[in-house]
Amino acid sequence: MNPARGEAALRIAGETVTLRPSFQALVAAEEELGPLFALVERAAAGELRLSELVSLFWHCRHDAPAAMTRDMLGEAVAAGGLATATPALRMLLGQILQGR
């Protein structure tokens, strides 16, 4: 994981997955979720949905195990709770706003 690149780590099923907000990942997330600035605003207002959080993580996953599915990621985020996912979300949202 490289925080200078805006990467965040997330523990999923005993594995550490690197989340990297690359241009390609953010474009894919935006295509699914709508404008990223609106996503950041919803998060700041406490209105970000779990499905949106998982979608952002899914598109930004960098080195997830090949067998990991989106449903597995969602279940792991739900099992870990929002407190566990918040540091990674904060890092990704910061990169969306500030860039590299």
PDB file of N, CA and C in Angstrom:
ATOM      1  N   MET A   1       0.839  -1.170   0.000  1.00  0.00           N
ATOM      2  CA  MET A   1       0.000   0.000   0.000  1.00  0.00           C
ATOM      3  C   MET A   1       0.889   1.240   0.000  1.00  0.00           C
ATOM      4  N   ASN A   2       0.491   2.240  -0.777  1.00  0.00           N
ATOM      5  CA  ASN A   2       1.261   3.470  -0.895  1.00  0.00           C
ATOM      6  C   ASN A   2       0.337   4.671  -0.663  1.00  0.00           C
ATOM      7  N   PRO A   3       0.296   5.210   0.565  1.00  0.00           N
ATOM      8  CA  PRO A   3      -0.580   6.352   0.854  1.00  0.00           C
ATOM      9  C   PRO A   3      -0.299   7.571  -0.025  1.00  0.00           C
ATOM     10  N   ALA A   4       0.928   7.727  -0.502  1.00  0.00           N
ATOM     11  CA  ALA A   4       1.264   8.847  -1.375  1.00  0.00           C
ATOM     12  C   ALA A   4       0.500   8.777  -2.695  1.00  0.00           C
ATOM     13  N   ARG A   5       0.101   7.584  -3.083  1.00  0.00           N
ATOM     14  CA  ARG A   5      -0.695   7.393  -4.306  1.00  0.00           C
ATOM     15  C   ARG A   5      -2.178   7.390  -4.012  1.00  0.00           C
ATOM     16  N   GLY A   6      -2.538   7.620  -2.754  1.00  0.00           N
ATOM     17  CA  GLY A   6      -3.943   7.616  -2.380  1.00  0.00           C
ATOM     18  C   GLY A   6      -4.486   6.235  -2.107  1.00  0.00           C
ATOM     19  N   GLU A   7      -3.600   5.262  -1.982  1.00  0.00           N
ATOM     20  CA  GLU A   7      -4.044   3.900  -1.736  1.00  0.00           C
ATOM     21  C   GLU A   7      -4.470   3.719  -0.282  1.00  0.00           C
ATOM     22  N   ALA A   8      -5.420   2.844  -0.099  1.00  0.00           N
ATOM     23  CA  ALA A   8      -5.905   2.499   1.234  1.00  0.00           C
ATOM     24  C   ALA A   8      -5.932   0.988   1.342  1.00  0.00           C
ATOM     25  N   ALA A   9      -5.826   0.496   2.565  1.00  0.00           N
ATOM     26  CA  ALA A   9      -5.870  -0.949   2.801  1.00  0.00           C
ATOM     27  C   ALA A   9      -7.178  -1.311   3.468  1.00  0.00           C
ATOM     28  N   LEU A  10      -7.685  -2.465   3.117  1.00  0.00           N
ATOM     29  CA  LEU A  10      -8.921  -2.977   3.705  1.00  0.00           C
ATOM     30  C   LEU A  10      -8.733  -4.467   3.950  1.00  0.00           C
ATOM     31  N   ARG A  11      -9.001  -4.915   5.169  1.00  0.00           N
ATOM     32  CA  ARG A  11      -8.911  -6.342   5.503  1.00  0.00           C
ATOM     33  C   ARG A  11     -10.221  -7.013   5.131  1.00  0.00           C
ATOM     34  N   ILE A  12     -10.109  -8.030   4.296  1.00  0.00           N
ATOM     35  CA  ILE A  12     -11.285  -8.761   3.838  1.00  0.00           C
ATOM     36  C   ILE A  12     -10.980 -10.244   3.923  1.00  0.00           C
ATOM     37  N   ALA A  13     -11.763 -10.935   4.720  1.00  0.00           N
ATOM     38  CA  ALA A  13     -11.615 -12.379   4.868  1.00  0.00           C
ATOM     39  C   ALA A  13     -10.169 -12.766   5.162  1.00  0.00           C
ATOM     40  N   GLY A  14      -9.529 -12.034   6.061  1.00  0.00           N
ATOM     41  CA  GLY A  14      -8.170 -12.347   6.461  1.00  0.00           C
ATOM     42  C   GLY A  14      -7.096 -11.877   5.494  1.00  0.00           C
ATOM     43  N   GLU A  15      -7.471 -11.237   4.404  1.00  0.00           N
ATOM     44  CA  GLU A  15      -6.526 -10.751   3.402  1.00  0.00           C
ATOM     45  C   GLU A  15      -6.556  -9.228   3.384  1.00  0.00           C
ATOM     46  N   THR A  16      -5.417  -8.620   3.131  1.00  0.00           N
ATOM     47  CA  THR A  16      -5.367  -7.171   2.961  1.00  0.00           C
ATOM     48  C   THR A  16      -5.502  -6.858   1.477  1.00  0.00           C
ATOM     49  N   VAL A  17      -6.498  -6.063   1.151  1.00  0.00           N
ATOM     50  CA  VAL A  17      -6.748  -5.658  -0.228  1.00  0.00           C
ATOM     51  C   VAL A  17      -6.379  -4.184  -0.343  1.00  0.00           C
ATOM     52  N   THR A  18      -5.620  -3.850  -1.366  1.00  0.00           N
ATOM     53  CA  THR A  18      -5.259  -2.463  -1.624  1.00  0.00           C
ATOM     54  C   THR A  18      -6.328  -1.830  -2.506  1.00  0.00           C
ATOM     55  N   LEU A  19      -6.798  -0.675  -2.083  1.00  0.00           N
ATOM     56  CA  LEU A  19      -7.750   0.101  -2.868  1.00  0.00           C
ATOM     57  C   LEU A  19      -6.978   1.258  -3.485  1.00  0.00           C
ATOM     58  N   ARG A  20      -6.984   1.341  -4.805  1.00  0.00           N
ATOM     59  CA  ARG A  20      -6.225   2.374  -5.520  1.00  0.00           C
ATOM     60  C   ARG A  20      -7.192   3.176  -6.389  1.00  0.00           C
ATOM     61  N   PRO A  21      -7.344   4.477  -6.105  1.00  0.00           N
ATOM     62  CA  PRO A  21      -8.266   5.303  -6.886  1.00  0.00           C
ATOM     63  C   PRO A  21      -7.639   5.799  -8.191  1.00  0.00           C
ATOM     64  N   SER A  22      -7.359   4.869  -9.095  1.00  0.00           N
ATOM     65  CA  SER A  22      -6.782   5.242 -10.388  1.00  0.00           C
ATOM     66  C   SER A  22      -7.846   5.942 -11.236  1.00  0.00           C
ATOM     67  N   PHE A  23      -7.407   6.596 -12.282  1.00  0.00           N
ATOM     68  CA  PHE A  23      -8.349   7.264 -13.191  1.00  0.00           C
ATOM     69  C   PHE A  23      -9.370   6.263 -13.723  1.00  0.00           C
ATOM     70  N   GLN A  24      -8.888   5.126 -14.174  1.00  0.00           N
ATOM     71  CA  GLN A  24      -9.772   4.096 -14.730  1.00  0.00           C
ATOM     72  C   GLN A  24     -10.782   3.621 -13.691  1.00  0.00           C
ATOM     73  N   ALA A  25     -10.335   3.413 -12.461  1.00  0.00           N
ATOM     74  CA  ALA A  25     -11.226   2.954 -11.396  1.00  0.00           C
ATOM     75  C   ALA A  25     -12.286   3.996 -11.083  1.00  0.00           C
ATOM     76  N   LEU A  26     -11.880   5.251 -11.022  1.00  0.00           N
ATOM     77  CA  LEU A  26     -12.835   6.314 -10.697  1.00  0.00           C
ATOM     78  C   LEU A  26     -13.830   6.550 -11.823  1.00  0.00           C
ATOM     79  N   VAL A  27     -13.397   6.408 -13.058  1.00  0.00           N
ATOM     80  CA  VAL A  27     -14.315   6.533 -14.192  1.00  0.00           C
ATOM     81  C   VAL A  27     -15.360   5.419 -14.131  1.00  0.00           C
ATOM     82  N   ALA A  28     -14.921   4.205 -13.846  1.00  0.00           N
ATOM     83  CA  ALA A  28     -15.858   3.071 -13.740  1.00  0.00           C
ATOM     84  C   ALA A  28     -16.839   3.297 -12.592  1.00  0.00           C
ATOM     85  N   ALA A  29     -16.348   3.789 -11.466  1.00  0.00           N
ATOM     86  CA  ALA A  29     -17.224   4.067 -10.331  1.00  0.00           C
ATOM     87  C   ALA A  29     -18.226   5.158 -10.684  1.00  0.00           C
ATOM     88  N   GLU A  30     -17.767   6.186 -11.369  1.00  0.00           N
ATOM     89  CA  GLU A  30     -18.646   7.290 -11.743  1.00  0.00           C
ATOM     90  C   GLU A  30     -19.724   6.840 -12.724  1.00  0.00           C
ATOM     91  N   GLU A  31     -19.356   5.948 -13.639  1.00  0.00           N
ATOM     92  CA  GLU A  31     -20.346   5.430 -14.587  1.00  0.00           C
ATOM     93  C   GLU A  31     -21.472   4.702 -13.859  1.00  0.00           C
ATOM     94  N   GLU A  32     -21.124   4.020 -12.788  1.00  0.00           N
ATOM     95  CA  GLU A  32     -22.129   3.270 -12.033  1.00  0.00           C
ATOM     96  C   GLU A  32     -22.874   4.141 -11.024  1.00  0.00           C
ATOM     97  N   LEU A  33     -22.149   5.025 -10.347  1.00  0.00           N
ATOM     98  CA  LEU A  33     -22.707   5.747  -9.202  1.00  0.00           C
ATOM     99  C   LEU A  33     -23.124   7.183  -9.495  1.00  0.00           C
ATOM    100  N   GLY A  34     -22.773   7.695 -10.644  1.00  0.00           N
ATOM    101  CA  GLY A  34     -23.041   9.090 -10.944  1.00  0.00           C
ATOM    102  C   GLY A  34     -21.841   9.947 -10.571  1.00  0.00           C
ATOM    103  N   PRO A  35     -21.989  11.257 -10.658  1.00  0.00           N
ATOM    104  CA  PRO A  35     -20.857  12.160 -10.417  1.00  0.00           C
ATOM    105  C   PRO A  35     -20.181  11.910  -9.067  1.00  0.00           C
ATOM    106  N   LEU A  36     -18.867  11.877  -9.086  1.00  0.00           N
ATOM    107  CA  LEU A  36     -18.114  11.600  -7.867  1.00  0.00           C
ATOM    108  C   LEU A  36     -18.246  12.723  -6.842  1.00  0.00           C
ATOM    109  N   PHE A  37     -18.372  13.956  -7.305  1.00  0.00           N
ATOM    110  CA  PHE A  37     -18.530  15.050  -6.350  1.00  0.00           C
ATOM    111  C   PHE A  37     -19.829  14.866  -5.566  1.00  0.00           C
ATOM    112  N   ALA A  38     -20.888  14.419  -6.223  1.00  0.00           N
ATOM    113  CA  ALA A  38     -22.155  14.153  -5.532  1.00  0.00           C
ATOM    114  C   ALA A  38     -21.986  13.006  -4.534  1.00  0.00           C
ATOM    115  N   LEU A  39     -21.181  12.016  -4.885  1.00  0.00           N
ATOM    116  CA  LEU A  39     -20.889  10.912  -3.974  1.00  0.00           C
ATOM    117  C   LEU A  39     -20.189  11.432  -2.718  1.00  0.00           C
ATOM    118  N   VAL A  40     -19.218  12.314  -2.911  1.00  0.00           N
ATOM    119  CA  VAL A  40     -18.504  12.909  -1.779  1.00  0.00           C
ATOM    120  C   VAL A  40     -19.470  13.718  -0.918  1.00  0.00           C
ATOM    121  N   GLU A  41     -20.347  14.471  -1.545  1.00  0.00           N
ATOM    122  CA  GLU A  41     -21.325  15.262  -0.790  1.00  0.00           C
ATOM    123  C   GLU A  41     -22.261  14.366   0.018  1.00  0.00           C
ATOM    124  N   ARG A  42     -22.707  13.259  -0.571  1.00  0.00           N
ATOM    125  CA  ARG A  42     -23.575  12.330   0.167  1.00  0.00           C
ATOM    126  C   ARG A  42     -22.824  11.734   1.352  1.00  0.00           C
ATOM    127  N   ALA A  43     -21.569  11.407   1.150  1.00  0.00           N
ATOM    128  CA  ALA A  43     -20.770  10.856   2.245  1.00  0.00           C
ATOM    129  C   ALA A  43     -20.617  11.889   3.361  1.00  0.00           C
ATOM    130  N   ALA A  44     -20.335  13.134   3.006  1.00  0.00           N
ATOM    131  CA  ALA A  44     -20.159  14.193   4.005  1.00  0.00           C
ATOM    132  C   ALA A  44     -21.445  14.444   4.782  1.00  0.00           C
ATOM    133  N   ALA A  45     -22.571  14.244   4.126  1.00  0.00           N
ATOM    134  CA  ALA A  45     -23.867  14.457   4.772  1.00  0.00           C
ATOM    135  C   ALA A  45     -24.355  13.214   5.518  1.00  0.00           C
ATOM    136  N   GLY A  46     -23.566  12.143   5.494  1.00  0.00           N
ATOM    137  CA  GLY A  46     -23.970  10.908   6.163  1.00  0.00           C
ATOM    138  C   GLY A  46     -25.032  10.137   5.402  1.00  0.00           C
ATOM    139  N   GLU A  47     -25.099  10.371   4.091  1.00  0.00           N
ATOM    140  CA  GLU A  47     -26.144   9.751   3.275  1.00  0.00           C
ATOM    141  C   GLU A  47     -25.606   8.747   2.256  1.00  0.00           C
ATOM    142  N   LEU A  48     -24.356   8.354   2.427  1.00  0.00           N
ATOM    143  CA  LEU A  48     -23.769   7.374   1.523  1.00  0.00           C
ATOM    144  C   LEU A  48     -24.353   6.004   1.839  1.00  0.00           C
ATOM    145  N   ARG A  49     -24.830   5.328   0.839  1.00  0.00           N
ATOM    146  CA  ARG A  49     -25.410   3.999   1.029  1.00  0.00           C
ATOM    147  C   ARG A  49     -24.311   2.941   1.050  1.00  0.00           C
ATOM    148  N   LEU A  50     -24.591   1.862   1.746  1.00  0.00           N
ATOM    149  CA  LEU A  50     -23.643   0.749   1.802  1.00  0.00           C
ATOM    150  C   LEU A  50     -23.329   0.243   0.400  1.00  0.00           C
ATOM    151  N   SER A  51     -24.326   0.165  -0.450  1.00  0.00           N
ATOM    152  CA  SER A  51     -24.104  -0.304  -1.823  1.00  0.00           C
ATOM    153  C   SER A  51     -23.159   0.625  -2.580  1.00  0.00           C
ATOM    154  N   GLU A  52     -23.234   1.931  -2.321  1.00  0.00           N
ATOM    155  CA  GLU A  52     -22.328   2.880  -2.973  1.00  0.00           C
ATOM    156  C   GLU A  52     -20.897   2.707  -2.468  1.00  0.00           C
ATOM    157  N   LEU A  53     -20.766   2.509  -1.172  1.00  0.00           N
ATOM    158  CA  LEU A  53     -19.455   2.279  -0.572  1.00  0.00           C
ATOM    159  C   LEU A  53     -18.809   1.040  -1.179  1.00  0.00           C
ATOM    160  N   VAL A  54     -19.563  -0.043  -1.254  1.00  0.00           N
ATOM    161  CA  VAL A  54     -19.041  -1.287  -1.811  1.00  0.00           C
ATOM    162  C   VAL A  54     -18.701  -1.109  -3.294  1.00  0.00           C
ATOM    163  N   SER A  55     -19.525  -0.390  -4.024  1.00  0.00           N
ATOM    164  CA  SER A  55     -19.239  -0.143  -5.443  1.00  0.00           C
ATOM    165  C   SER A  55     -17.931   0.616  -5.621  1.00  0.00           C
ATOM    166  N   LEU A  56     -17.728   1.660  -4.819  1.00  0.00           N
ATOM    167  CA  LEU A  56     -16.481   2.413  -4.904  1.00  0.00           C
ATOM    168  C   LEU A  56     -15.294   1.521  -4.581  1.00  0.00           C
ATOM    169  N   PHE A  57     -15.402   0.745  -3.505  1.00  0.00           N
ATOM    170  CA  PHE A  57     -14.327  -0.177  -3.148  1.00  0.00           C
ATOM    171  C   PHE A  57     -14.091  -1.197  -4.263  1.00  0.00           C
ATOM    172  N   TRP A  58     -15.153  -1.717  -4.837  1.00  0.00           N
ATOM    173  CA  TRP A  58     -15.029  -2.732  -5.881  1.00  0.00           C
ATOM    174  C   TRP A  58     -14.245  -2.191  -7.072  1.00  0.00           C
ATOM    175  N   HIS A  59     -14.583  -1.000  -7.505  1.00  0.00           N
ATOM    176  CA  HIS A  59     -13.906  -0.437  -8.667  1.00  0.00           C
ATOM    177  C   HIS A  59     -12.463  -0.052  -8.367  1.00  0.00           C
ATOM    178  N   CYS A  60     -12.163   0.266  -7.114  1.00  0.00           N
ATOM    179  CA  CYS A  60     -10.816   0.692  -6.733  1.00  0.00           C
ATOM    180  C   CYS A  60      -9.931  -0.454  -6.250  1.00  0.00           C
ATOM    181  N   ARG A  61     -10.464  -1.670  -6.171  1.00  0.00           N
ATOM    182  CA  ARG A  61      -9.642  -2.786  -5.676  1.00  0.00           C
ATOM    183  C   ARG A  61      -8.483  -2.981  -6.632  1.00  0.00           C
ATOM    184  N   HIS A  62      -7.323  -3.216  -6.063  1.00  0.00           N
ATOM    185  CA  HIS A  62      -6.134  -3.332  -6.904  1.00  0.00           C
ATOM    186  C   HIS A  62      -5.567  -4.748  -6.897  1.00  0.00           C
ATOM    187  N   ASP A  63      -5.406  -5.305  -5.735  1.00  0.00           N
ATOM    188  CA  ASP A  63      -4.752  -6.609  -5.643  1.00  0.00           C
ATOM    189  C   ASP A  63      -5.614  -7.630  -4.914  1.00  0.00           C
ATOM    190  N   ALA A  64      -6.903  -7.531  -5.120  1.00  0.00           N
ATOM    191  CA  ALA A  64      -7.823  -8.477  -4.479  1.00  0.00           C
ATOM    192  C   ALA A  64      -7.604  -9.873  -5.050  1.00  0.00           C
ATOM    193  N   PRO A  65      -7.809 -10.890  -4.239  1.00  0.00           N
ATOM    194  CA  PRO A  65      -7.696 -12.260  -4.753  1.00  0.00           C
ATOM    195  C   PRO A  65      -8.636 -12.460  -5.942  1.00  0.00           C
ATOM    196  N   ALA A  66      -8.180 -13.201  -6.920  1.00  0.00           N
ATOM    197  CA  ALA A  66      -8.962 -13.411  -8.140  1.00  0.00           C
ATOM    198  C   ALA A  66     -10.326 -14.034  -7.855  1.00  0.00           C
ATOM    199  N   ALA A  67     -10.408 -14.831  -6.802  1.00  0.00           N
ATOM    200  CA  ALA A  67     -11.673 -15.510  -6.488  1.00  0.00           C
ATOM    201  C   ALA A  67     -12.673 -14.591  -5.793  1.00  0.00           C
ATOM    202  N   MET A  68     -12.255 -13.398  -5.380  1.00  0.00           N
ATOM    203  CA  MET A  68     -13.163 -12.510  -4.653  1.00  0.00           C
ATOM    204  C   MET A  68     -14.225 -11.947  -5.592  1.00  0.00           C
ATOM    205  N   THR A  69     -15.468 -12.085  -5.181  1.00  0.00           N
ATOM    206  CA  THR A  69     -16.573 -11.523  -5.945  1.00  0.00           C
ATOM    207  C   THR A  69     -17.039 -10.237  -5.276  1.00  0.00           C
ATOM    208  N   ARG A  70     -17.846  -9.503  -5.984  1.00  0.00           N
ATOM    209  CA  ARG A  70     -18.401  -8.272  -5.427  1.00  0.00           C
ATOM    210  C   ARG A  70     -19.278  -8.568  -4.208  1.00  0.00           C
ATOM    211  N   ASP A  71     -20.026  -9.653  -4.277  1.00  0.00           N
ATOM    212  CA  ASP A  71     -20.851 -10.047  -3.133  1.00  0.00           C
ATOM    213  C   ASP A  71     -19.989 -10.372  -1.919  1.00  0.00           C
ATOM    214  N   MET A  72     -18.866 -11.032  -2.138  1.00  0.00           N
ATOM    215  CA  MET A  72     -17.954 -11.339  -1.027  1.00  0.00           C
ATOM    216  C   MET A  72     -17.406 -10.061  -0.413  1.00  0.00           C
ATOM    217  N   LEU A  73     -17.071  -9.094  -1.246  1.00  0.00           N
ATOM    218  CA  LEU A  73     -16.585  -7.812  -0.752  1.00  0.00           C
ATOM    219  C   LEU A  73     -17.661  -7.130   0.076  1.00  0.00           C
ATOM    220  N   GLY A  74     -18.884  -7.121  -0.433  1.00  0.00           N
ATOM    221  CA  GLY A  74     -19.995  -6.508   0.293  1.00  0.00           C
ATOM    222  C   GLY A  74     -20.253  -7.173   1.629  1.00  0.00           C
ATOM    223  N   GLU A  75     -20.227  -8.491   1.644  1.00  0.00           N
ATOM    224  CA  GLU A  75     -20.443  -9.225   2.893  1.00  0.00           C
ATOM    225  C   GLU A  75     -19.330  -8.933   3.892  1.00  0.00           C
ATOM    226  N   ALA A  76     -18.100  -8.834   3.403  1.00  0.00           N
ATOM    227  CA  ALA A  76     -16.967  -8.550   4.291  1.00  0.00           C
ATOM    228  C   ALA A  76     -17.068  -7.143   4.868  1.00  0.00           C
ATOM    229  N   VAL A  77     -17.474  -6.177   4.060  1.00  0.00           N
ATOM    230  CA  VAL A  77     -17.646  -4.810   4.548  1.00  0.00           C
ATOM    231  C   VAL A  77     -18.760  -4.778   5.582  1.00  0.00           C
ATOM    232  N   ALA A  78     -19.871  -5.446   5.304  1.00  0.00           N
ATOM    233  CA  ALA A  78     -20.982  -5.476   6.259  1.00  0.00           C
ATOM    234  C   ALA A  78     -20.571  -6.176   7.552  1.00  0.00           C
ATOM    235  N   ALA A  79     -19.831  -7.268   7.450  1.00  0.00           N
ATOM    236  CA  ALA A  79     -19.401  -8.006   8.638  1.00  0.00           C
ATOM    237  C   ALA A  79     -18.416  -7.194   9.471  1.00  0.00           C
ATOM    238  N   GLY A  80     -17.553  -6.425   8.806  1.00  0.00           N
ATOM    239  CA  GLY A  80     -16.561  -5.622   9.516  1.00  0.00           C
ATOM    240  C   GLY A  80     -17.129  -4.355  10.115  1.00  0.00           C
ATOM    241  N   GLY A  81     -18.243  -3.922   9.576  1.00  0.00           N
ATOM    242  CA  GLY A  81     -18.877  -2.709  10.076  1.00  0.00           C
ATOM    243  C   GLY A  81     -18.310  -1.452   9.444  1.00  0.00           C
ATOM    244  N   LEU A  82     -19.072  -0.393   9.552  1.00  0.00           N
ATOM    245  CA  LEU A  82     -18.665   0.870   8.947  1.00  0.00           C
ATOM    246  C   LEU A  82     -17.407   1.443   9.586  1.00  0.00           C
ATOM    247  N   ALA A  83     -17.215   1.194  10.870  1.00  0.00           N
ATOM    248  CA  ALA A  83     -16.018   1.715  11.544  1.00  0.00           C
ATOM    249  C   ALA A  83     -14.753   1.147  10.913  1.00  0.00           C
ATOM    250  N   THR A  84     -14.806  -0.088  10.471  1.00  0.00           N
ATOM    251  CA  THR A  84     -13.656  -0.723   9.838  1.00  0.00           C
ATOM    252  C   THR A  84     -13.427  -0.178   8.427  1.00  0.00           C
ATOM    253  N   ALA A  85     -14.500   0.139   7.720  1.00  0.00           N
ATOM    254  CA  ALA A  85     -14.400   0.606   6.338  1.00  0.00           C
ATOM    255  C   ALA A  85     -14.128   2.109   6.238  1.00  0.00           C
ATOM    256  N   THR A  86     -14.413   2.860   7.280  1.00  0.00           N
ATOM    257  CA  THR A  86     -14.323   4.319   7.215  1.00  0.00           C
ATOM    258  C   THR A  86     -12.929   4.853   6.890  1.00  0.00           C
ATOM    259  N   PRO A  87     -11.845   4.341   7.482  1.00  0.00           N
ATOM    260  CA  PRO A  87     -10.524   4.891   7.112  1.00  0.00           C
ATOM    261  C   PRO A  87     -10.219   4.759   5.618  1.00  0.00           C
ATOM    262  N   ALA A  88     -10.555   3.622   5.028  1.00  0.00           N
ATOM    263  CA  ALA A  88     -10.320   3.427   3.598  1.00  0.00           C
ATOM    264  C   ALA A  88     -11.206   4.361   2.782  1.00  0.00           C
ATOM    265  N   LEU A  89     -12.451   4.509   3.194  1.00  0.00           N
ATOM    266  CA  LEU A  89     -13.372   5.412   2.498  1.00  0.00           C
ATOM    267  C   LEU A  89     -12.855   6.843   2.579  1.00  0.00           C
ATOM    268  N   ARG A  90     -12.418   7.248   3.749  1.00  0.00           N
ATOM    269  CA  ARG A  90     -11.899   8.614   3.931  1.00  0.00           C
ATOM    270  C   ARG A  90     -10.713   8.867   2.995  1.00  0.00           C
ATOM    271  N   MET A  91      -9.821   7.901   2.874  1.00  0.00           N
ATOM    272  CA  MET A  91      -8.652   8.057   2.003  1.00  0.00           C
ATOM    273  C   MET A  91      -9.085   8.197   0.544  1.00  0.00           C
ATOM    274  N   LEU A  92     -10.015   7.344   0.101  1.00  0.00           N
ATOM    275  CA  LEU A  92     -10.465   7.409  -1.288  1.00  0.00           C
ATOM    276  C   LEU A  92     -11.186   8.715  -1.578  1.00  0.00           C
ATOM    277  N   LEU A  93     -12.059   9.148  -0.679  1.00  0.00           N
ATOM    278  CA  LEU A  93     -12.791  10.392  -0.891  1.00  0.00           C
ATOM    279  C   LEU A  93     -11.842  11.589  -0.906  1.00  0.00           C
ATOM    280  N   GLY A  94     -10.827  11.536  -0.055  1.00  0.00           N
ATOM    281  CA  GLY A  94      -9.820  12.600  -0.053  1.00  0.00           C
ATOM    282  C   GLY A  94      -9.098  12.680  -1.390  1.00  0.00           C
ATOM    283  N   GLN A  95      -8.789  11.533  -1.959  1.00  0.00           N
ATOM    284  CA  GLN A  95      -8.111  11.522  -3.253  1.00  0.00           C
ATOM    285  C   GLN A  95      -9.025  12.028  -4.363  1.00  0.00           C
ATOM    286  N   ILE A  96     -10.300  11.722  -4.264  1.00  0.00           N
ATOM    287  CA  ILE A  96     -11.248  12.222  -5.273  1.00  0.00           C
ATOM    288  C   ILE A  96     -11.259  13.742  -5.236  1.00  0.00           C
ATOM    289  N   LEU A  97     -11.254  14.308  -4.054  1.00  0.00           N
ATOM    290  CA  LEU A  97     -11.313  15.764  -3.917  1.00  0.00           C
ATOM    291  C   LEU A  97      -9.989  16.449  -4.224  1.00  0.00           C
ATOM    292  N   GLN A  98      -8.880  15.866  -3.773  1.00  0.00           N
ATOM    293  CA  GLN A  98      -7.597  16.538  -3.879  1.00  0.00           C
ATOM    294  C   GLN A  98      -6.771  16.106  -5.074  1.00  0.00           C
ATOM    295  N   GLY A  99      -6.982  14.910  -5.550  1.00  0.00           N
ATOM    296  CA  GLY A  99      -6.144  14.388  -6.617  1.00  0.00           C
ATOM    297  C   GLY A  99      -4.761  14.051  -6.095  1.00  0.00           C
ATOM    298  N   ARG A 100      -3.870  13.747  -6.992  1.00  0.00           N
ATOM    299  CA  ARG A 100      -2.512  13.371  -6.570  1.00  0.00           C
ATOM    300  C   ARG A 100      -1.592  14.546  -6.703  1.00  0.00           C
TER     301      ARG A 100
END
